[in-house]
Amino acid sequence: MEADRAGVVSQTGESVRDTTPVVMKEMKGTIGLTSKTAWLRPLTQAAADITTLGTVRGSRCRTSRDLFTEWATELGFPDYFGRNWDAFSDCLDEAVARASDESASSEGESAPLAVIVQEADELLADEPASALWVFLNILGQTAGKDSSRPTLSLLLDGTPDRLSRVTERMTEAGYPPLPRGHLS
């Protein structure tokens, strides 16, 4: 995998939009947990007022191709979805914006949106760690910069031992490690 100023290039050579100003290998030590991973929680820590955008199964998302199919089906991506990381990012943004508009209250504030991932430890398990890094960065960008009220939350469902494997895989991928006990 390569990284440059324009963005990230996936294992398959696809260009991926990335607005993070650091290259991948520098991320391990420079990204603060509060600003980048507040949108990532175990299902048991879901906010009471959350609106579920969809539920996906990690066992159906073991490869990028399978992930694209599962998320497109569950989140209602349009027929023109191109099944690559750029298209995934664009369609996820559209799905979140559409759901946010639909859930807006009379005061104009929308409920937080979430995607529940059952069997979370199997998410992209058959892909190199770099695919998980790209996936998490796309979700982090969609979640937004306001860590106190992210636009999107990823709620991971699984037993504590399986969720600890997710944390290990995130660390292996170079994504900010979660604090001890964060997913238990």
Protein backbone atom coordinates (compact mmCIF):
# COMPACT_ATOMS: atom_id res chain seq x y z
CA MET A 1 0.00 0.00 0.00
CA GLU A 2 1.25 3.49 -0.79
CA ALA A 3 0.34 6.86 0.67
CA ASP A 4 0.96 10.28 -0.75
CA ARG A 5 -0.28 13.87 -0.37
CA ALA A 6 -3.25 13.32 -2.68
CA GLY A 7 -4.61 10.43 -0.67
CA VAL A 8 -4.32 6.73 -0.16
CA VAL A 9 -4.00 4.03 -2.76
CA SER A 10 -5.52 0.69 -1.81
CA GLN A 11 -4.01 -2.75 -2.40
CA THR A 12 -5.90 -2.95 -5.68
CA GLY A 13 -4.59 0.41 -6.86
CA GLU A 14 -7.84 2.31 -6.25
CA SER A 15 -7.47 5.91 -5.14
CA VAL A 16 -9.12 6.61 -1.80
CA ARG A 17 -10.11 10.07 -0.59
CA ASP A 18 -8.22 10.94 2.57
CA THR A 19 -8.16 14.37 4.12
CA THR A 20 -5.93 13.33 7.03
CA PRO A 21 -2.73 15.39 6.75
CA VAL A 22 -0.44 12.60 7.94
CA VAL A 23 0.73 9.53 6.11
CA MET A 24 -0.34 6.13 7.29
CA LYS A 25 2.76 5.11 9.21
CA GLU A 26 2.76 8.37 11.17
CA MET A 27 -0.81 7.88 12.38
CA LYS A 28 0.09 5.51 15.20
CA GLY A 29 1.57 8.26 17.30
CA THR A 30 -0.26 11.38 16.19
CA ILE A 31 -4.00 10.78 16.28
CA GLY A 32 -5.77 11.41 19.58
CA LEU A 33 -8.39 8.90 20.60
CA THR A 34 -10.92 11.51 21.64
CA SER A 35 -10.91 13.30 18.31
CA LYS A 36 -10.77 10.34 15.98
CA THR A 37 -12.47 7.35 17.59
CA ALA A 38 -15.33 8.79 19.64
CA TRP A 39 -17.67 7.41 16.96
CA LEU A 40 -16.52 3.82 17.57
CA ARG A 41 -18.22 2.01 20.46
CA PRO A 42 -19.36 -1.42 21.58
CA LEU A 43 -23.10 -1.89 21.15
CA THR A 44 -23.52 -1.95 24.93
CA GLN A 45 -22.44 1.73 25.04
CA ALA A 46 -24.92 2.99 22.45
CA ALA A 47 -26.67 6.27 23.22
CA ALA A 48 -30.35 5.98 24.09
CA ASP A 49 -31.46 8.37 21.35
CA ILE A 50 -29.54 6.72 18.52
CA THR A 51 -31.19 5.92 15.19
CA THR A 52 -29.97 2.72 13.59
CA LEU A 53 -29.07 3.29 9.96
CA GLY A 54 -28.51 -0.42 9.38
CA THR A 55 -27.18 -3.68 10.76
CA VAL A 56 -24.43 -5.57 8.96
CA ARG A 57 -22.78 -8.89 9.73
CA GLY A 58 -19.02 -9.06 9.92
CA SER A 59 -19.21 -12.63 8.62
CA ARG A 60 -20.64 -11.19 5.40
CA CYS A 61 -17.89 -8.55 5.22
CA ARG A 62 -14.71 -10.63 5.36
CA THR A 63 -13.45 -9.15 2.06
CA SER A 64 -13.75 -5.66 0.60
CA ARG A 65 -15.98 -6.99 -2.17
CA ASP A 66 -18.30 -8.65 0.35
CA LEU A 67 -18.29 -5.55 2.55
CA PHE A 68 -19.36 -3.39 -0.39
CA THR A 69 -22.23 -5.78 -1.14
CA GLU A 70 -23.41 -6.06 2.48
CA TRP A 71 -23.25 -2.33 3.22
CA ALA A 72 -24.88 -1.42 -0.10
CA THR A 73 -27.76 -3.79 0.61
CA GLU A 74 -28.26 -2.86 4.25
CA LEU A 75 -27.83 0.90 3.88
CA GLY A 76 -29.65 1.25 0.56
CA PHE A 77 -26.79 2.46 -1.62
CA PRO A 78 -27.91 3.49 -5.12
CA ASP A 79 -27.64 1.14 -8.11
CA TYR A 80 -24.74 3.16 -9.51
CA PHE A 81 -22.53 2.31 -6.48
CA GLY A 82 -19.15 1.47 -8.02
CA ARG A 83 -17.98 -1.07 -5.41
CA ASN A 84 -14.67 0.61 -4.61
CA TRP A 85 -13.49 2.66 -1.63
CA ASP A 86 -14.15 6.07 -3.24
CA ALA A 87 -17.68 5.05 -4.19
CA PHE A 88 -18.21 3.52 -0.74
CA SER A 89 -17.23 6.81 0.88
CA ASP A 90 -19.53 8.83 -1.37
CA CYS A 91 -22.52 6.50 -0.95
CA LEU A 92 -22.03 6.28 2.82
CA ASP A 93 -22.01 10.09 3.01
CA GLU A 94 -25.22 10.18 0.96
CA ALA A 95 -26.91 7.50 3.10
CA VAL A 96 -25.98 9.34 6.31
CA ALA A 97 -27.17 12.70 4.94
CA ARG A 98 -30.45 11.17 3.75
CA ALA A 99 -31.10 9.44 7.08
CA SER A 100 -30.08 12.55 9.02
CA ASP A 101 -32.57 14.66 7.05
CA GLU A 102 -35.30 12.10 7.65
CA SER A 103 -34.66 11.92 11.40
CA ALA A 104 -34.35 15.68 11.99
CA SER A 105 -36.62 16.94 14.74
CA SER A 106 -38.73 20.05 14.55
CA GLU A 107 -35.83 21.92 16.19
CA GLY A 108 -33.70 20.94 13.20
CA GLU A 109 -31.45 18.58 15.16
CA SER A 110 -31.19 14.99 14.00
CA ALA A 111 -30.71 11.97 16.21
CA PRO A 112 -27.29 10.33 16.11
CA LEU A 113 -27.06 7.62 13.44
CA ALA A 114 -25.41 4.25 13.87
CA VAL A 115 -24.46 1.16 11.94
CA ILE A 116 -24.41 -1.98 14.08
CA VAL A 117 -21.80 -4.57 13.13
CA GLN A 118 -22.68 -8.01 14.43
CA GLU A 119 -19.81 -10.53 14.50
CA ALA A 120 -17.52 -7.49 14.44
CA ASP A 121 -14.34 -9.54 14.78
CA GLU A 122 -14.88 -10.96 11.29
CA LEU A 123 -15.03 -7.54 9.59
CA LEU A 124 -12.46 -7.57 6.73
CA ALA A 125 -10.76 -10.59 8.34
CA ASP A 126 -9.67 -11.99 4.96
CA GLU A 127 -8.10 -8.70 3.83
CA PRO A 128 -4.73 -7.16 4.66
CA ALA A 129 -4.68 -4.78 7.63
CA SER A 130 -4.49 -1.85 5.22
CA ALA A 131 -8.08 -2.49 4.08
CA LEU A 132 -9.31 -2.16 7.66
CA TRP A 133 -7.31 1.07 7.98
CA VAL A 134 -8.94 2.54 4.84
CA PHE A 135 -12.41 1.41 5.99
CA LEU A 136 -12.01 2.96 9.45
CA ASN A 137 -10.67 6.20 8.02
CA ILE A 138 -13.66 6.52 5.69
CA LEU A 139 -16.02 5.94 8.62
CA GLY A 140 -14.08 8.41 10.75
CA GLN A 141 -14.35 11.08 8.06
CA THR A 142 -18.08 10.42 7.71
CA ALA A 143 -18.49 10.61 11.50
CA GLY A 144 -17.23 14.18 11.41
CA LYS A 145 -14.98 16.30 13.58
CA ASP A 146 -17.34 16.89 16.51
CA SER A 147 -16.39 14.04 18.81
CA SER A 148 -19.12 15.04 21.26
CA ARG A 149 -21.81 14.42 18.64
CA PRO A 150 -20.57 12.35 15.69
CA THR A 151 -22.70 12.21 12.56
CA LEU A 152 -22.29 8.43 12.47
CA SER A 153 -21.37 5.81 15.05
CA LEU A 154 -20.12 2.31 14.43
CA LEU A 155 -21.48 0.00 17.13
CA LEU A 156 -19.61 -3.26 17.44
CA ASP A 157 -21.49 -6.32 18.68
CA GLY A 158 -19.76 -9.37 20.06
CA THR A 159 -18.45 -11.04 23.18
CA PRO A 160 -15.64 -9.26 25.07
CA ASP A 161 -12.99 -11.70 23.85
CA ARG A 162 -14.08 -11.23 20.24
CA LEU A 163 -14.22 -7.45 20.61
CA SER A 164 -10.69 -7.46 22.01
CA ARG A 165 -9.63 -9.11 18.74
CA VAL A 166 -11.13 -6.13 16.87
CA THR A 167 -8.96 -3.81 18.97
CA GLU A 168 -5.88 -5.90 18.15
CA ARG A 169 -6.64 -5.85 14.43
CA MET A 170 -7.17 -2.07 14.51
CA THR A 171 -3.78 -1.66 16.17
CA GLU A 172 -2.19 -3.98 13.58
CA ALA A 173 -3.76 -1.83 10.87
CA GLY A 174 -2.14 1.29 12.31
CA TYR A 175 -5.43 2.75 13.42
CA PRO A 176 -5.41 4.44 16.82
CA PRO A 177 -5.60 1.75 19.50
CA LEU A 178 -8.55 2.00 21.83
CA PRO A 179 -7.96 2.37 25.56
CA ARG A 180 -7.93 -0.82 27.63
CA GLY A 181 -11.50 -1.89 28.34
CA HIS A 182 -12.95 0.42 25.66
CA LEU A 183 -14.68 -2.46 23.87
CA SER A 184 -15.55 -4.63 26.84
